[in-house]
């Protein structure tokens, strides 16, 4: 499957929107003030091999540990 630049841009925007929606649902459902009020969370989508596909613009510092966590999940 090959994508041209427009299709790739649309796909990228859609998958990033999924991450943003994950964050909105997490924030709405959270009991913790760290999540609900301080927005201290991150959301991302990974592929089957554990590679990062998209991330939301929450707290990117969390993404550094997510790669190692995903490597453990995949193996």
N, C-alpha and C. Protein backbone atom coordinates (compact mmCIF):
# COMPACT_ATOMS: atom_id res chain seq x y z
N UNK A 1 0.85 -1.17 0.00
CA UNK A 1 0.00 0.00 0.00
C UNK A 1 0.89 1.24 0.00
N UNK A 2 0.65 2.12 -0.93
CA UNK A 2 1.42 3.36 -0.97
C UNK A 2 0.49 4.55 -0.79
N UNK A 3 1.00 5.56 -0.15
CA UNK A 3 0.23 6.77 0.11
C UNK A 3 0.91 7.96 -0.54
N UNK A 4 0.12 8.84 -1.12
CA UNK A 4 0.71 10.08 -1.60
C UNK A 4 0.77 11.07 -0.44
N UNK A 5 1.30 12.24 -0.67
CA UNK A 5 1.51 13.22 0.41
C UNK A 5 0.19 13.65 1.06
N UNK A 6 -0.86 13.80 0.28
CA UNK A 6 -2.14 14.23 0.83
C UNK A 6 -2.74 13.13 1.70
N UNK A 7 -2.73 11.89 1.21
CA UNK A 7 -3.26 10.78 2.00
C UNK A 7 -2.46 10.59 3.29
N UNK A 8 -1.16 10.73 3.20
CA UNK A 8 -0.31 10.59 4.39
C UNK A 8 -0.63 11.68 5.40
N UNK A 9 -0.82 12.91 4.94
CA UNK A 9 -1.19 14.00 5.83
C UNK A 9 -2.54 13.78 6.49
N UNK A 10 -3.50 13.29 5.73
CA UNK A 10 -4.83 12.99 6.30
C UNK A 10 -4.75 11.88 7.33
N UNK A 11 -4.01 10.82 7.02
CA UNK A 11 -3.87 9.71 7.95
C UNK A 11 -3.18 10.18 9.22
N UNK A 12 -2.14 10.97 9.08
CA UNK A 12 -1.42 11.49 10.25
C UNK A 12 -2.33 12.33 11.13
N UNK A 13 -3.12 13.18 10.52
CA UNK A 13 -4.05 14.02 11.29
C UNK A 13 -5.10 13.18 12.00
N UNK A 14 -5.59 12.15 11.34
CA UNK A 14 -6.61 11.29 11.94
C UNK A 14 -6.07 10.52 13.13
N UNK A 15 -4.88 9.97 12.98
CA UNK A 15 -4.34 9.17 14.08
C UNK A 15 -3.91 10.06 15.25
N UNK A 16 -3.47 11.27 14.97
CA UNK A 16 -3.18 12.23 16.04
C UNK A 16 -4.46 12.64 16.75
N UNK A 17 -5.55 12.78 16.01
CA UNK A 17 -6.84 13.10 16.61
C UNK A 17 -7.31 11.97 17.53
N UNK A 18 -6.99 10.73 17.19
CA UNK A 18 -7.31 9.61 18.07
C UNK A 18 -6.59 9.78 19.41
N UNK A 19 -5.33 10.15 19.37
CA UNK A 19 -4.56 10.39 20.60
C UNK A 19 -5.17 11.52 21.42
N UNK A 20 -5.55 12.60 20.76
CA UNK A 20 -6.18 13.73 21.46
C UNK A 20 -7.49 13.30 22.12
N UNK A 21 -8.27 12.49 21.41
CA UNK A 21 -9.54 12.01 21.97
C UNK A 21 -9.30 11.09 23.16
N UNK A 22 -8.26 10.25 23.08
CA UNK A 22 -7.92 9.40 24.22
C UNK A 22 -7.64 10.26 25.44
N UNK A 23 -6.91 11.35 25.25
CA UNK A 23 -6.60 12.25 26.35
C UNK A 23 -7.84 12.92 26.91
N UNK A 24 -8.76 13.32 26.04
CA UNK A 24 -10.00 13.96 26.51
C UNK A 24 -10.84 13.00 27.33
N UNK A 25 -10.93 11.75 26.89
CA UNK A 25 -11.69 10.75 27.64
C UNK A 25 -11.02 10.46 28.97
N UNK A 26 -9.70 10.32 28.97
CA UNK A 26 -8.97 10.08 30.21
C UNK A 26 -9.19 11.22 31.20
N UNK A 27 -9.07 12.44 30.74
CA UNK A 27 -9.26 13.60 31.61
C UNK A 27 -10.68 13.64 32.18
N UNK A 28 -11.66 13.36 31.34
CA UNK A 28 -13.06 13.40 31.78
C UNK A 28 -13.36 12.30 32.81
N UNK A 29 -12.73 11.13 32.67
CA UNK A 29 -13.01 10.00 33.54
C UNK A 29 -12.14 9.97 34.80
N UNK A 30 -11.13 10.82 34.88
CA UNK A 30 -10.14 10.74 35.95
C UNK A 30 -10.68 11.23 37.29
N UNK A 31 -10.26 10.54 38.34
CA UNK A 31 -10.52 10.99 39.70
C UNK A 31 -9.33 11.76 40.25
N UNK A 32 -8.15 11.47 39.74
CA UNK A 32 -6.92 12.09 40.23
C UNK A 32 -6.81 13.54 39.77
N UNK A 33 -6.53 14.46 40.71
CA UNK A 33 -6.33 15.85 40.30
C UNK A 33 -5.07 16.02 39.44
N UNK A 34 -4.10 15.11 39.56
CA UNK A 34 -2.92 15.20 38.69
C UNK A 34 -3.31 15.04 37.23
N UNK A 35 -4.25 14.19 36.97
CA UNK A 35 -4.71 14.00 35.59
C UNK A 35 -5.76 15.03 35.23
N UNK A 36 -6.77 15.16 36.05
CA UNK A 36 -7.91 16.01 35.73
C UNK A 36 -7.55 17.49 35.68
N UNK A 37 -6.79 17.98 36.63
CA UNK A 37 -6.51 19.41 36.74
C UNK A 37 -5.15 19.81 36.16
N UNK A 38 -4.14 19.00 36.40
CA UNK A 38 -2.80 19.35 35.95
C UNK A 38 -2.46 18.79 34.57
N UNK A 39 -3.34 17.94 34.05
CA UNK A 39 -3.14 17.34 32.72
C UNK A 39 -1.81 16.59 32.64
N UNK A 40 -1.47 15.88 33.71
CA UNK A 40 -0.20 15.16 33.79
C UNK A 40 -0.35 13.75 33.23
N UNK A 41 -0.47 13.66 31.91
CA UNK A 41 -0.61 12.38 31.23
C UNK A 41 -0.19 12.55 29.77
N UNK A 42 0.02 11.43 29.12
CA UNK A 42 0.33 11.44 27.69
C UNK A 42 -0.41 10.30 27.03
N UNK A 43 -0.75 10.47 25.78
CA UNK A 43 -1.42 9.44 25.00
C UNK A 43 -0.69 9.28 23.67
N UNK A 44 -0.58 8.03 23.24
CA UNK A 44 0.11 7.75 21.98
C UNK A 44 -0.48 6.48 21.36
N UNK A 45 -0.22 6.32 20.07
CA UNK A 45 -0.61 5.12 19.34
C UNK A 45 0.66 4.47 18.82
N UNK A 46 0.77 3.16 19.02
CA UNK A 46 1.93 2.40 18.58
C UNK A 46 1.49 1.34 17.58
N UNK A 47 2.41 0.89 16.73
CA UNK A 47 2.08 -0.18 15.80
C UNK A 47 2.34 -1.54 16.45
N UNK A 48 2.13 -2.61 15.70
CA UNK A 48 2.25 -3.96 16.25
C UNK A 48 3.68 -4.29 16.69
N UNK A 49 4.67 -3.61 16.14
CA UNK A 49 6.06 -3.83 16.54
C UNK A 49 6.47 -2.94 17.71
N UNK A 50 5.60 -2.08 18.17
CA UNK A 50 5.89 -1.21 19.29
C UNK A 50 6.47 0.14 18.91
N UNK A 51 6.48 0.46 17.63
CA UNK A 51 7.01 1.76 17.18
C UNK A 51 5.93 2.84 17.32
N UNK A 52 6.35 4.01 17.73
CA UNK A 52 5.43 5.13 17.92
C UNK A 52 4.88 5.59 16.57
N UNK A 53 3.56 5.65 16.46
CA UNK A 53 2.90 6.13 15.22
C UNK A 53 2.44 7.57 15.37
N UNK A 54 1.88 7.90 16.52
CA UNK A 54 1.36 9.25 16.74
C UNK A 54 1.30 9.52 18.24
N UNK A 55 1.36 10.79 18.59
CA UNK A 55 1.26 11.19 19.99
C UNK A 55 0.44 12.46 20.08
N UNK A 56 -0.20 12.65 21.22
CA UNK A 56 -0.92 13.88 21.48
C UNK A 56 0.03 14.86 22.16
N UNK A 57 -0.32 16.12 22.12
CA UNK A 57 0.53 17.16 22.71
C UNK A 57 0.18 17.38 24.17
N UNK A 58 0.32 16.35 24.97
CA UNK A 58 0.04 16.48 26.40
C UNK A 58 1.35 16.75 27.14
N UNK A 59 1.95 15.73 27.70
CA UNK A 59 3.24 15.85 28.38
C UNK A 59 4.22 14.92 27.65
N UNK A 60 4.97 15.41 26.67
CA UNK A 60 5.82 14.54 25.85
C UNK A 60 6.92 13.82 26.62
N UNK A 61 7.28 14.29 27.81
CA UNK A 61 8.35 13.63 28.56
C UNK A 61 7.96 12.19 28.90
N UNK A 62 6.67 11.90 29.02
CA UNK A 62 6.23 10.54 29.31
C UNK A 62 6.55 9.59 28.16
N UNK A 63 6.63 10.11 26.96
CA UNK A 63 6.84 9.26 25.80
C UNK A 63 8.20 8.58 25.81
N UNK A 64 9.15 9.14 26.53
CA UNK A 64 10.46 8.51 26.64
C UNK A 64 10.38 7.14 27.29
N UNK A 65 9.54 6.99 28.29
CA UNK A 65 9.39 5.69 28.95
C UNK A 65 8.39 4.80 28.23
N UNK A 66 7.49 5.38 27.45
CA UNK A 66 6.50 4.56 26.74
C UNK A 66 7.16 3.61 25.75
N UNK A 67 8.22 4.04 25.09
CA UNK A 67 8.90 3.18 24.12
C UNK A 67 9.44 1.93 24.81
N UNK A 68 10.02 2.07 26.00
CA UNK A 68 10.53 0.92 26.73
C UNK A 68 9.39 0.04 27.23
N UNK A 69 8.32 0.65 27.67
CA UNK A 69 7.15 -0.13 28.11
C UNK A 69 6.57 -0.93 26.95
N UNK A 70 6.46 -0.31 25.79
CA UNK A 70 5.92 -1.01 24.62
C UNK A 70 6.85 -2.14 24.18
N UNK A 71 8.14 -1.95 24.28
CA UNK A 71 9.08 -3.02 23.93
C UNK A 71 8.86 -4.23 24.83
N UNK A 72 8.58 -3.98 26.11
CA UNK A 72 8.28 -5.08 27.03
C UNK A 72 6.97 -5.75 26.72
N UNK A 73 5.98 -4.99 26.32
CA UNK A 73 4.67 -5.55 25.98
C UNK A 73 4.78 -6.40 24.72
N UNK A 74 5.50 -5.90 23.72
CA UNK A 74 5.61 -6.62 22.45
C UNK A 74 6.37 -7.93 22.63
N UNK A 75 7.41 -7.90 23.46
CA UNK A 75 8.19 -9.14 23.67
C UNK A 75 7.49 -9.99 24.68
